Amino acid sequence: MQLESRNSLAINLQLKLNRMTQPSKSLEEIIDLTQHPLADTHYQQACKRDINKHGVLVLDGFLTPQAIDAVRNEGKQKQNLAYYTASDHNVYLAPSDPAYPADHIRNRSVTSSKGCITTDQIPEDSPLRSLYNNQEFKTFLCAVLEENSLHHYADPLSSINLHYAAAGQELGWHYDNSSFAITLLIQKPEAGGTFEYVKDARNADEGNMAHEFTERILDGEVQPRCLNMQEGSLVLFRGKNSIHRVTPTIGDVTRMLVVLAYNKESGVSLSESARMTFYGRLE
């Protein structure tokens, strides 16, 4: 029994060492650098002008076909581990305000539903880990988003998330709390799953929550813009003031989307309440 225990410990240790020493994939294996020369300052400036003008930047053909296939296969293999949520929330992602009636836009309820696997469930040799940690990629993001530096989340769940939206699942209208979001579309559904947004619907920095205009958007009186994303597209989106949603998935093909989350400061974890809401656990 003791010999078997020692052998088991040795095998487990070796497996951990193998994972730790697994060579990361080169950027050329993950990104089409001919089409998207991340280190080129002219390309960086062009991308920055686009996102500053439109509030969103869509880089089609960003991932190589090999990287798309690898991440899609990882997603299918890990989908049984996903934590699924269906929640009601208001568009401001804040607790209800008793100063307003229940049917006021400040408290009006919309629905979001999706599945998610977390950073610790992403394979050690995944292209997502290599891309997320790559300094050239982070330098590109900093240049385009005009940030000094980007850091991973201190908790083990929040840095890389892969979201699943099966038939009928959606992301309800909302404003983001963060100043930017970074996503990769991995698998398109047969229909639906459309990203819709209204640019600069409010100005949170000046305290203008745009209640009346936001209500018109939810009532269908304002025509939103739609993003035409392809599999392998990188999307940078400023959603703090631009309200947005993803329409329900239609058909048997699950929409798969990766969120790459960074912090402006090091050592920051997603709040415990947010982790319990989105992941059903703290670690």
Protein backbone atom coordinates (compact mmCIF):
# COMPACT_ATOMS: atom_id res chain seq x y z
CA MET A 1 0.00 0.00 0.00
CA GLN A 2 2.82 2.40 0.88
CA LEU A 3 4.60 1.63 -2.38
CA GLU A 4 1.39 2.23 -4.33
CA SER A 5 0.87 5.55 -2.52
CA ARG A 6 4.42 6.66 -3.30
CA ASN A 7 3.96 5.67 -6.94
CA SER A 8 0.65 7.59 -7.15
CA LEU A 9 2.25 10.68 -5.63
CA ALA A 10 5.15 10.45 -8.07
CA ILE A 11 2.80 10.13 -11.04
CA ASN A 12 0.66 13.07 -9.90
CA LEU A 13 3.78 15.19 -9.35
CA GLN A 14 5.08 14.33 -12.81
CA LEU A 15 1.73 15.26 -14.39
CA LYS A 16 1.83 18.63 -12.64
CA LEU A 17 5.42 19.20 -13.78
CA ASN A 18 4.46 18.29 -17.34
CA ARG A 19 1.67 20.86 -17.28
CA MET A 20 3.95 23.53 -15.81
CA THR A 21 6.66 22.92 -18.41
CA GLN A 22 4.29 22.66 -21.37
CA PRO A 23 5.74 25.07 -23.95
CA SER A 24 3.48 27.98 -24.78
CA LYS A 25 2.38 28.35 -28.38
CA SER A 26 4.05 31.04 -30.47
CA LEU A 27 2.05 34.10 -31.47
CA GLU A 28 2.37 33.06 -35.14
CA GLU A 29 0.47 29.85 -34.38
CA ILE A 30 -2.40 31.79 -32.80
CA ILE A 31 -2.73 35.09 -34.68
CA ASP A 32 -2.60 35.93 -38.38
CA LEU A 33 0.25 38.42 -37.95
CA THR A 34 0.35 39.19 -41.67
CA GLN A 35 -3.15 40.59 -41.52
CA HIS A 36 -2.77 41.89 -37.97
CA PRO A 37 0.82 43.07 -37.33
CA LEU A 38 0.44 43.80 -33.63
CA ALA A 39 3.88 45.35 -33.16
CA ASP A 40 3.48 47.82 -36.04
CA THR A 41 2.86 51.30 -34.61
CA HIS A 42 0.91 52.42 -37.70
CA TYR A 43 -1.43 49.45 -37.29
CA GLN A 44 -1.82 50.21 -33.59
CA GLN A 45 -2.69 53.84 -34.34
CA ALA A 46 -5.24 52.84 -36.98
CA CYS A 47 -6.92 50.48 -34.51
CA LYS A 48 -6.95 53.17 -31.84
CA ARG A 49 -8.59 55.66 -34.19
CA ASP A 50 -11.28 53.10 -35.05
CA ILE A 51 -12.24 52.29 -31.48
CA ASN A 52 -12.16 55.96 -30.44
CA LYS A 53 -14.47 56.84 -33.32
CA HIS A 54 -16.91 53.94 -33.17
CA GLY A 55 -16.61 52.69 -29.60
CA VAL A 56 -15.85 49.23 -30.95
CA LEU A 57 -13.09 47.53 -32.93
CA VAL A 58 -13.70 44.28 -34.82
CA LEU A 59 -10.62 42.51 -36.18
CA ASP A 60 -11.85 39.73 -38.47
CA GLY A 61 -9.49 36.85 -39.21
CA PHE A 62 -7.54 37.54 -36.03
CA LEU A 63 -7.13 33.93 -34.92
CA THR A 64 -5.57 31.39 -37.26
CA PRO A 65 -7.84 28.52 -38.41
CA GLN A 66 -5.72 26.14 -36.31
CA ALA A 67 -6.24 28.22 -33.17
CA ILE A 68 -10.00 28.47 -33.77
CA ASP A 69 -10.26 24.69 -34.17
CA ALA A 70 -8.18 24.07 -31.05
CA VAL A 71 -10.24 26.41 -28.85
CA ARG A 72 -13.54 25.14 -30.26
CA ASN A 73 -12.51 21.54 -29.51
CA GLU A 74 -11.43 22.54 -26.00
CA GLY A 75 -14.79 24.20 -25.51
CA LYS A 76 -16.71 21.13 -26.59
CA GLN A 77 -14.61 18.86 -24.36
CA LYS A 78 -15.09 21.10 -21.31
CA GLN A 79 -18.74 22.09 -21.85
CA ASN A 80 -19.93 19.53 -19.31
CA LEU A 81 -18.06 21.55 -16.65
CA ALA A 82 -19.86 24.81 -17.45
CA TYR A 83 -21.79 26.63 -14.74
CA TYR A 84 -25.14 27.81 -16.11
CA THR A 85 -27.00 30.82 -14.82
CA ALA A 86 -30.28 32.49 -15.68
CA SER A 87 -30.70 35.79 -13.87
CA ASP A 88 -32.87 38.88 -13.92
CA HIS A 89 -31.13 42.24 -13.63
CA ASN A 90 -31.61 45.87 -14.58
CA VAL A 91 -29.65 47.49 -17.39
CA TYR A 92 -27.41 49.31 -14.90
CA LEU A 93 -26.30 46.04 -13.25
CA ALA A 94 -27.04 47.59 -9.85
CA PRO A 95 -29.39 46.79 -6.97
CA SER A 96 -32.93 48.10 -7.38
CA ASP A 97 -33.42 51.69 -6.27
CA PRO A 98 -36.52 52.16 -4.06
CA ALA A 99 -36.58 55.84 -5.04
CA TYR A 100 -38.06 54.73 -8.38
CA PRO A 101 -41.17 52.63 -9.14
CA ALA A 102 -40.64 48.95 -9.90
CA ASP A 103 -41.51 49.48 -13.58
CA HIS A 104 -39.15 52.46 -13.97
CA ILE A 105 -36.19 51.83 -16.32
CA ARG A 106 -33.85 52.13 -13.33
CA ASN A 107 -35.44 49.00 -11.87
CA ARG A 108 -36.89 47.36 -14.96
CA SER A 109 -35.85 43.71 -15.23
CA VAL A 110 -34.21 41.98 -18.20
CA THR A 111 -32.91 38.40 -18.45
CA SER A 112 -29.46 36.97 -19.11
CA SER A 113 -28.66 33.27 -19.40
CA LYS A 114 -25.45 31.47 -20.32
CA GLY A 115 -22.94 28.80 -19.35
CA CYS A 116 -19.33 29.49 -18.46
CA ILE A 117 -16.05 27.71 -17.82
CA THR A 118 -13.36 29.55 -15.92
CA THR A 119 -9.61 30.13 -16.08
CA ASP A 120 -8.76 27.06 -14.02
CA GLN A 121 -10.75 24.89 -16.46
CA ILE A 122 -8.91 26.14 -19.55
CA PRO A 123 -6.31 23.54 -20.62
CA GLU A 124 -2.72 24.40 -19.70
CA ASP A 125 -1.60 24.11 -23.34
CA SER A 126 -4.55 26.09 -24.73
CA PRO A 127 -3.87 28.84 -27.29
CA LEU A 128 -6.00 31.05 -25.02
CA ARG A 129 -3.44 30.92 -22.22
CA SER A 130 -0.55 31.62 -24.58
CA LEU A 131 -2.41 34.58 -26.10
CA TYR A 132 -3.62 35.99 -22.79
CA ASN A 133 -0.12 35.98 -21.26
CA ASN A 134 1.75 37.14 -24.37
CA GLN A 135 3.49 40.48 -23.79
CA GLU A 136 3.29 41.57 -27.44
CA PHE A 137 -0.47 41.07 -27.36
CA LYS A 138 -0.80 43.02 -24.11
CA THR A 139 1.38 45.82 -25.47
CA PHE A 140 -0.91 46.03 -28.51
CA LEU A 141 -4.00 46.20 -26.28
CA CYS A 142 -2.44 48.93 -24.14
CA ALA A 143 -1.63 51.00 -27.22
CA VAL A 144 -5.13 50.67 -28.68
CA LEU A 145 -7.03 51.10 -25.41
CA GLU A 146 -4.67 53.80 -24.14
CA GLU A 147 -3.86 51.95 -20.94
CA ASN A 148 -0.52 52.01 -19.11
CA SER A 149 -0.55 48.31 -18.25
CA LEU A 150 -2.84 45.29 -18.05
CA HIS A 151 -2.76 42.59 -15.36
CA HIS A 152 -4.41 39.22 -14.83
CA TYR A 153 -7.00 38.73 -12.11
CA ALA A 154 -5.57 37.52 -8.81
CA ASP A 155 -8.33 34.95 -8.34
CA PRO A 156 -8.12 31.65 -10.28
CA LEU A 157 -11.44 32.02 -12.14
CA SER A 158 -11.86 35.38 -13.79
CA SER A 159 -9.06 36.03 -16.29
CA ILE A 160 -10.17 33.75 -19.14
CA ASN A 161 -13.81 32.70 -19.46
CA LEU A 162 -15.43 30.70 -22.25
CA HIS A 163 -19.16 31.41 -22.53
CA TYR A 164 -21.78 29.08 -24.01
CA ALA A 165 -25.17 30.24 -25.28
CA ALA A 166 -27.41 27.38 -26.43
CA ALA A 167 -30.81 27.79 -28.06
CA GLY A 168 -32.87 30.45 -26.30
CA GLN A 169 -30.01 31.78 -24.18
CA GLU A 170 -29.19 35.47 -24.39
CA LEU A 171 -27.46 38.44 -22.80
CA GLY A 172 -29.96 41.11 -21.79
CA TRP A 173 -29.55 44.85 -22.38
CA HIS A 174 -27.00 46.41 -20.01
CA TYR A 175 -24.19 48.89 -19.52
CA ASP A 176 -20.79 47.51 -18.47
CA ASN A 177 -19.14 48.51 -15.22
CA SER A 178 -15.67 48.27 -16.79
CA SER A 179 -14.36 50.69 -19.40
CA PHE A 180 -13.58 48.01 -22.02
CA ALA A 181 -14.23 44.37 -22.91
CA ILE A 182 -12.06 42.00 -24.98
CA THR A 183 -13.72 39.01 -26.66
CA LEU A 184 -13.07 36.32 -29.27
CA LEU A 185 -15.91 34.66 -31.16
CA ILE A 186 -15.16 30.95 -31.44
CA GLN A 187 -18.39 29.43 -32.75
CA LYS A 188 -21.34 31.15 -34.45
CA PRO A 189 -24.84 29.76 -33.96
CA GLU A 190 -27.10 28.85 -36.85
CA ALA A 191 -29.03 32.08 -36.24
CA GLY A 192 -29.57 34.67 -33.55
CA GLY A 193 -26.77 35.47 -31.11
CA THR A 194 -26.46 38.95 -32.62
CA PHE A 195 -24.52 41.62 -30.74
CA GLU A 196 -26.57 44.82 -30.72
CA TYR A 197 -25.55 48.16 -29.22
CA VAL A 198 -26.34 51.87 -29.03
CA LYS A 199 -23.18 53.96 -28.79
CA ASP A 200 -22.87 56.54 -26.00
CA ALA A 201 -26.44 56.16 -24.80
CA ARG A 202 -25.46 57.58 -21.41
CA ASN A 203 -22.56 59.46 -19.78
CA ALA A 204 -21.85 57.75 -16.47
CA ASP A 205 -18.79 59.90 -15.73
CA GLU A 206 -21.02 62.98 -15.65
CA GLY A 207 -23.80 61.18 -13.77
CA ASN A 208 -26.18 61.17 -16.74
CA MET A 209 -27.92 57.78 -16.62
CA ALA A 210 -30.15 58.63 -19.62
CA HIS A 211 -33.28 57.04 -18.16
CA GLU A 212 -35.69 58.22 -20.84
CA PHE A 213 -33.42 57.38 -23.78
CA THR A 214 -32.56 53.99 -22.30
CA GLU A 215 -36.26 53.20 -21.91
CA ARG A 216 -36.84 54.04 -25.57
CA ILE A 217 -34.09 51.60 -26.52
CA LEU A 218 -35.66 48.76 -24.52
CA ASP A 219 -39.06 49.60 -25.98
CA GLY A 220 -37.69 49.20 -29.51
CA GLU A 221 -38.06 52.87 -30.43
CA VAL A 222 -34.33 53.28 -31.14
CA GLN A 223 -32.67 51.18 -33.83
CA PRO A 224 -29.46 49.59 -32.46
CA ARG A 225 -26.35 48.89 -34.47
CA CYS A 226 -25.37 45.27 -35.09
CA LEU A 227 -21.86 43.83 -35.15
CA ASN A 228 -21.07 41.36 -37.89
CA MET A 229 -18.55 39.10 -36.16
CA GLN A 230 -16.99 36.04 -37.72
CA GLU A 231 -15.43 33.03 -36.04
CA GLY A 232 -11.93 34.03 -35.00
CA SER A 233 -12.72 37.76 -34.71
CA LEU A 234 -11.19 39.80 -31.90
CA VAL A 235 -13.58 42.47 -30.59
CA LEU A 236 -12.64 45.38 -28.34
CA PHE A 237 -15.71 47.18 -27.02
CA ARG A 238 -16.23 50.19 -24.78
CA GLY A 239 -19.49 49.30 -23.05
CA LYS A 240 -19.55 51.58 -20.03
CA ASN A 241 -21.71 54.16 -21.81
CA SER A 242 -22.86 52.11 -24.81
CA ILE A 243 -25.79 49.90 -23.92
CA HIS A 244 -25.66 46.46 -25.55
CA ARG A 245 -27.11 42.96 -25.63
CA VAL A 246 -26.78 39.60 -27.41
CA THR A 247 -30.04 38.29 -28.87
CA PRO A 248 -31.19 34.72 -28.11
CA THR A 249 -29.41 31.89 -29.88
CA ILE A 250 -31.49 30.09 -32.50
CA GLY A 251 -30.81 26.52 -33.59
CA ASP A 252 -28.82 23.56 -32.35
CA VAL A 253 -25.33 25.10 -32.63
CA THR A 254 -24.15 26.66 -29.36
CA ARG A 255 -22.59 30.11 -29.57
CA MET A 256 -19.12 30.08 -27.99
CA LEU A 257 -17.38 33.30 -27.01
CA VAL A 258 -14.17 33.87 -25.06
CA VAL A 259 -13.78 36.81 -22.69
CA LEU A 260 -10.21 37.90 -21.94
CA ALA A 261 -10.41 39.98 -18.76
CA TYR A 262 -7.58 42.22 -17.56
CA ASN A 263 -7.20 44.69 -14.70
CA LYS A 264 -5.48 48.06 -14.78
CA GLU A 265 -3.84 47.21 -11.45
CA SER A 266 -2.14 44.05 -10.21
CA GLY A 267 -3.39 41.86 -7.39
CA VAL A 268 -7.10 42.52 -7.99
CA SER A 269 -9.71 39.77 -7.71
CA LEU A 270 -13.26 39.77 -8.96
CA SER A 271 -15.56 40.34 -5.99
CA GLU A 272 -16.79 37.28 -4.11
CA SER A 273 -20.41 38.15 -4.84
CA ALA A 274 -19.69 38.39 -8.58
CA ARG A 275 -17.80 35.09 -8.57
CA MET A 276 -20.67 33.33 -6.82
CA THR A 277 -23.15 34.85 -9.27
CA PHE A 278 -21.21 34.07 -12.46
CA TYR A 279 -19.32 30.90 -11.49
CA GLY A 280 -21.16 29.39 -8.50
CA ARG A 281 -17.91 29.16 -6.52
CA LEU A 282 -15.01 31.27 -5.21
CA GLU A 283 -12.10 29.09 -6.30
